Each structure stands twice: as structure tokens, then as C-alpha cells.
C-alpha atoms as a PDB file:
ATOM      1  CA  MET A   1     -26.246 -39.665-234.449  1.00  0.00           C
ATOM      2  CA  SER A   2     -24.829 -42.685-235.947  1.00  0.00           C
ATOM      3  CA  SER A   3     -26.693 -46.651-234.697  1.00  0.00           C
ATOM      4  CA  TYR A   4     -23.191 -47.361-232.662  1.00  0.00           C
ATOM      5  CA  ALA A   5     -23.930 -44.355-230.776  1.00  0.00           C
ATOM      6  CA  TYR A   6     -27.263 -44.273-230.140  1.00  0.00           C
ATOM      7  CA  VAL A   7     -26.552 -48.346-228.624  1.00  0.00           C
ATOM      8  CA  LEU A   8     -23.368 -47.196-226.785  1.00  0.00           C
ATOM      9  CA  GLY A   9     -25.672 -44.594-225.064  1.00  0.00           C
ATOM     10  CA  LEU A  10     -27.908 -46.983-224.326  1.00  0.00           C
ATOM     11  CA  LEU A  11     -25.300 -49.106-223.083  1.00  0.00           C
ATOM     12  CA  CYS A  12     -23.384 -46.918-220.639  1.00  0.00           C
ATOM     13  CA  PRO A  13     -25.461 -46.555-217.489  1.00  0.00           C
ATOM     14  CA  PHE A  14     -25.718 -50.409-217.787  1.00  0.00           C
ATOM     15  CA  MET A  15     -21.936 -51.132-217.911  1.00  0.00           C
ATOM     16  CA  ALA A  16     -21.516 -48.532-215.283  1.00  0.00           C
ATOM     17  CA  LEU A  17     -24.168 -50.126-212.737  1.00  0.00           C
ATOM     18  CA  ALA A  18     -22.424 -53.641-213.598  1.00  0.00           C
ATOM     19  CA  VAL A  19     -18.995 -51.901-212.692  1.00  0.00           C
ATOM     20  CA  ILE A  20     -20.129 -50.833-209.513  1.00  0.00           C
ATOM     21  CA  LEU A  21     -21.792 -53.968-208.080  1.00  0.00           C
ATOM     22  CA  ARG A  22     -18.217 -55.989-208.867  1.00  0.00           C
ATOM     23  CA  ARG A  23     -16.374 -53.689-206.806  1.00  0.00           C
ATOM     24  CA  VAL A  24     -19.335 -53.792-203.952  1.00  0.00           C
ATOM     25  CA  TRP A  25     -18.949 -57.571-204.319  1.00  0.00           C
ATOM     26  CA  ARG A  26     -15.427 -57.743-204.262  1.00  0.00           C
ATOM     27  CA  ARG A  27     -15.057 -55.276-201.317  1.00  0.00           C
ATOM     28  CA  ALA A  28     -17.575 -57.743-199.242  1.00  0.00           C
ATOM     29  CA  HIS A  29     -15.377 -60.460-200.281  1.00  0.00           C
ATOM     30  CA  VAL A  30     -12.211 -59.184-199.270  1.00  0.00           C
ATOM     31  CA  GLU A  31     -13.174 -57.841-196.184  1.00  0.00           C
ATOM     32  CA  LYS A  32     -15.269 -61.481-195.312  1.00  0.00           C
ATOM     33  CA  LEU A  33     -11.396 -63.016-196.034  1.00  0.00           C
ATOM     34  CA  LEU A  34      -9.442 -60.412-193.790  1.00  0.00           C
ATOM     35  CA  ALA A  35     -11.937 -61.156-190.830  1.00  0.00           C
ATOM     36  CA  THR A  36     -11.229 -64.843-190.485  1.00  0.00           C
ATOM     37  CA  ARG A  37      -7.436 -64.637-192.077  1.00  0.00           C
ATOM     38  CA  PHE A  38      -5.692 -62.843-189.327  1.00  0.00           C
ATOM     39  CA  GLN A  39      -7.846 -64.232-186.798  1.00  0.00           C
ATOM     40  CA  GLY A  40      -5.233 -65.778-184.224  1.00  0.00           C
ATOM     41  CA  LYS A  41      -2.463 -65.263-186.376  1.00  0.00           C
ATOM     42  CA  VAL A  42       1.459 -63.113-184.630  1.00  0.00           C
ATOM     43  CA  VAL A  43       2.197 -60.307-187.142  1.00  0.00           C
ATOM     44  CA  TRP A  44       5.372 -58.533-186.469  1.00  0.00           C
ATOM     45  CA  ILE A  45       5.307 -54.452-187.056  1.00  0.00           C
ATOM     46  CA  THR A  46       8.479 -52.580-187.357  1.00  0.00           C
ATOM     47  CA  GLY A  47       7.922 -49.016-187.180  1.00  0.00           C
ATOM     48  CA  ALA A  48       4.621 -49.232-185.382  1.00  0.00           C
ATOM     49  CA  SER A  49       4.893 -45.916-183.669  1.00  0.00           C
ATOM     50  CA  SER A  50       3.653 -43.813-186.178  1.00  0.00           C
ATOM     51  CA  GLY A  51       2.653 -43.441-189.837  1.00  0.00           C
ATOM     52  CA  ILE A  52       2.079 -46.687-191.896  1.00  0.00           C
ATOM     53  CA  GLY A  53       3.299 -49.103-189.304  1.00  0.00           C
ATOM     54  CA  ARG A  54       0.966 -47.647-186.280  1.00  0.00           C
ATOM     55  CA  ALA A  55      -2.074 -47.599-189.189  1.00  0.00           C
ATOM     56  CA  LEU A  56      -1.351 -51.133-189.524  1.00  0.00           C
ATOM     57  CA  ALA A  57      -1.160 -52.178-186.169  1.00  0.00           C
ATOM     58  CA  ILE A  58      -4.522 -51.054-185.662  1.00  0.00           C
ATOM     59  CA  ALA A  59      -6.000 -52.459-188.565  1.00  0.00           C
ATOM     60  CA  PHE A  60      -4.042 -56.123-187.893  1.00  0.00           C
ATOM     61  CA  ALA A  61      -5.241 -55.789-183.749  1.00  0.00           C
ATOM     62  CA  SER A  62      -9.218 -54.640-185.220  1.00  0.00           C
ATOM     63  CA  LYS A  63      -9.021 -58.237-187.303  1.00  0.00           C
ATOM     64  CA  GLY A  64      -7.947 -60.288-184.512  1.00  0.00           C
ATOM     65  CA  ALA A  65      -3.960 -60.461-185.027  1.00  0.00           C
ATOM     66  CA  LYS A  66      -1.626 -61.127-182.156  1.00  0.00           C
ATOM     67  CA  LEU A  67       1.224 -58.209-182.495  1.00  0.00           C
ATOM     68  CA  VAL A  68       4.579 -57.783-182.264  1.00  0.00           C
ATOM     69  CA  LEU A  69       5.096 -54.190-181.854  1.00  0.00           C
ATOM     70  CA  SER A  70       9.197 -52.918-182.682  1.00  0.00           C
ATOM     71  CA  ALA A  71      10.242 -48.830-183.047  1.00  0.00           C
ATOM     72  CA  ARG A  72      12.795 -46.756-181.715  1.00  0.00           C
ATOM     73  CA  ARG A  73      10.044 -45.090-179.678  1.00  0.00           C
ATOM     74  CA  GLU A  74       9.183 -47.210-176.939  1.00  0.00           C
ATOM     75  CA  GLY A  75       6.922 -44.195-175.416  1.00  0.00           C
ATOM     76  CA  GLU A  76       4.554 -44.383-178.686  1.00  0.00           C
ATOM     77  CA  LEU A  77       4.950 -48.310-178.436  1.00  0.00           C
ATOM     78  CA  HIS A  78       2.861 -48.182-175.453  1.00  0.00           C
ATOM     79  CA  ALA A  79       0.139 -45.531-176.972  1.00  0.00           C
ATOM     80  CA  VAL A  80      -0.275 -47.360-180.177  1.00  0.00           C
ATOM     81  CA  ALA A  81      -0.606 -50.661-178.291  1.00  0.00           C
ATOM     82  CA  GLU A  82      -3.734 -49.434-176.396  1.00  0.00           C
ATOM     83  CA  GLU A  83      -5.131 -47.903-179.483  1.00  0.00           C
ATOM     84  CA  CYS A  84      -4.650 -51.934-180.793  1.00  0.00           C
ATOM     85  CA  ALA A  85      -6.279 -52.615-177.567  1.00  0.00           C
ATOM     86  CA  ALA A  86      -9.361 -50.641-178.243  1.00  0.00           C
ATOM     87  CA  ALA A  87      -9.799 -51.324-181.724  1.00  0.00           C
ATOM     88  CA  ALA A  88      -9.535 -55.521-180.809  1.00  0.00           C
ATOM     89  CA  SER A  89     -12.346 -54.277-177.798  1.00  0.00           C
ATOM     90  CA  ARG A  90     -14.710 -52.455-180.616  1.00  0.00           C
ATOM     91  CA  ALA A  91     -14.418 -55.381-182.695  1.00  0.00           C
ATOM     92  CA  CYS A  92     -15.173 -58.053-180.983  1.00  0.00           C
ATOM     93  CA  GLY A  93     -17.320 -56.502-178.476  1.00  0.00           C
ATOM     94  CA  ALA A  94     -15.577 -57.419-174.987  1.00  0.00           C
ATOM     95  CA  ALA A  95     -12.396 -55.265-173.183  1.00  0.00           C
ATOM     96  CA  VAL A  96      -9.531 -56.518-174.191  1.00  0.00           C
ATOM     97  CA  ASP A  97      -6.182 -56.000-172.223  1.00  0.00           C
ATOM     98  CA  ALA A  98      -3.305 -54.039-174.625  1.00  0.00           C
ATOM     99  CA  SER A  99      -0.842 -56.889-173.276  1.00  0.00           C
ATOM    100  CA  ALA A 100      -2.705 -59.522-174.834  1.00  0.00           C
ATOM    101  CA  VAL A 101      -2.552 -58.350-177.885  1.00  0.00           C
ATOM    102  CA  ALA A 102       0.382 -56.283-178.338  1.00  0.00           C
ATOM    103  CA  LYS A 103       3.561 -57.187-177.091  1.00  0.00           C
ATOM    104  CA  VAL A 104       5.858 -54.021-177.110  1.00  0.00           C
ATOM    105  CA  HIS A 105       9.869 -53.879-177.783  1.00  0.00           C
ATOM    106  CA  GLY A 106      11.530 -50.837-177.978  1.00  0.00           C
ATOM    107  CA  PRO A 107      15.635 -50.391-178.256  1.00  0.00           C
ATOM    108  CA  SER A 108      17.783 -52.046-176.519  1.00  0.00           C
END
């Protein structure tokens, strides 16, 4: 075994640990930033009745954002608004009304 392979074999676990610690630190930093960045901001999400739009609405609501939800299926938008209120309630620890978190705009 060459000396380079030996040294590399010794350093690999430490390098892997450094990468893991960096990712953990970065994730904690991003979570801290997102926790305060959207507090009280208004976010308008189109296509919020399902899929990525629904997931974004719930995520933004849990971070304290006020939402404007738009989609073609107004009935499903009201269900998403209730889910957003539940996510906001879990995040702040108090009951939150759906109309205080999300305004629903369906097709005209």
C-alpha cells in the first residue's frame, strides 16, 4: 500500500465528518433564516388547491406568512386554507382562524 493511499484512508473519515457537520450547520442556519424571514409577509400562491402549490401554502403558513391562495377549484382551496391554519396553529402554539392566515380567490 502506498503512503498516499494510507494517508487518504486515514483522512476519509474526518473529511466525511466535516461534510456532515457543515450540512447540519447549514440546515440549522437556513431553518433559522426561514423562521423569521416570512413572518408577517404576504405570499400569493397560484395553483394552491393541490400539488406543489398546496405544499408551499402549508410551508409558508407554518413560517408565519399571510397567504393569498388562488386556483380553479375553490372548494379545495377552502380545505387548503384550513390546513394552513392548522399548520400556523402548530407553529405558534395557539388557535389560528383560517381567514386570518389565508384569503381564498377562486375563479370568477
